[in-house]
Amino acid sequence: MKLKWCKWYIYGILLPLFTVIFCEFLIYYVVIGQCSWPNFKNIKDENNKNLVKAMLLADTHLLGPYRGHWFDKLRREWQMHRAFQTAITLHKPEVVFILGDLFDEGQWCNEFQFFEYTSRFSHLFETPNTTKLYVVPGNHDVGFHYALSRYTLDRFENIFNVSSVELLNLKDNFFILINSMAMENDGCSFCSEAEKKIKNLANKLNIYKKNSFNENSKFPNYSRPIILQHFPMYRESDILCNENDEAPPELKNNIFREKWDCLSKSASNMIFDKFNPRLIINGHVHHGCHIVHKEDIHEYTLSSFSWRNKNNPTFMLAKFTPNSFIIEKCQLPKENTVILIYITAVISNIIWIIINKIYFKQ
């Protein structure tokens, strides 16, 4: 009788309990713990006093009041919360960038709903005091260009303290955060304002560049900037992408629509010409990609951080110095792996119950 109770305790309670704990907590440490900060080959870069450690992700798409089942919302938000907090705990980045589409229904929310949205976001993606968090708007946060309004844009910018074009100087590493929906080049007030800021910012960086070799200069030391935005730069499709988290074969040949799937060719050329960036990082299309423009301008597109959009989500760990950068893309647990573990555990329990009944009948 004692042996029977012990077996029931192990298989009936401990095994299901361990399965839940592993799938909902421990698996994130197992998978994310396999990723680490990349190291520069040059020891001078690794020991550079201006080195910045950054974590980047995109397209969290928190569900709002209109779309999705409550369990879908609970499941996906728990996955992102555990993945994010585990990554923060293990890797301790100095700064985190989330590149748009924080919300799935931000453009449709009223004031109360948006306040509830931002409260959930702040809880799910909470960072310690030692880690700064910056975001850029996505089309699901404020609307595509055709649906963009001063109300939705101001609301997002005021809460997250961002603007259409913004320069962030971290240890002489220049990050330029851009609102992709204001890159339409159609003369609207949003676009005109953004283009004016781009011109002014380009002039400011040129002044920094001209004074770089002046030891008595009061300006920051110049370095080629890093562009952070939601939309990818103009490209015809994902056909040239070759990443572990790239789009599935049936989607790679799909032709991108300018101003919808990516920036227009004219907006992309404006950014290239004005800033001559060394690196561009974005999201939006939910699949990973790495492209090199004009021989030395690297562009990385991040896949969605949510299981709702991607079975194998990823995030990026990056080290920046004023003259170098190095990238590491980190995997999150795959949703189908977690489901398979649960199914295997359930089937094992059912088999044990059947065998146990047959054995004790005899």
Foldseek 3Di string as FASTA:
>chain_A
DVVLVVVCCCQVPVLVVVLCCCLLAVQLCVFQVVDAFDDDPDVCQRPPPLKFKEWEAEALAQEFDPDDDPVQNVVFLSQQLNNQVSNCVNHVGQEYEYAENNHQAQQPDDPVRVVVSVVSSCVSNPHDPSYYYAYEYDCNNQHALVSHDPVSQVVVCVVRVDAQWDWDARSQATEIEHELSLLQPPPDPSVVVNVVVLQVVLVLLVVLDVCQPPPPDPHRHHFQYEYGHAFAADDQFQLVFDDPFADPPVRRNDGDDDSQRHDDNVSNVSCCVSRVHQEYEHERVQTWGWDDPPNRYIYIYAHHSTLVRGQKHWMKIKMDDRYDIDIDIGIGHGPVVSVVSVVVSVVVSVVCVVVSVVVVVD
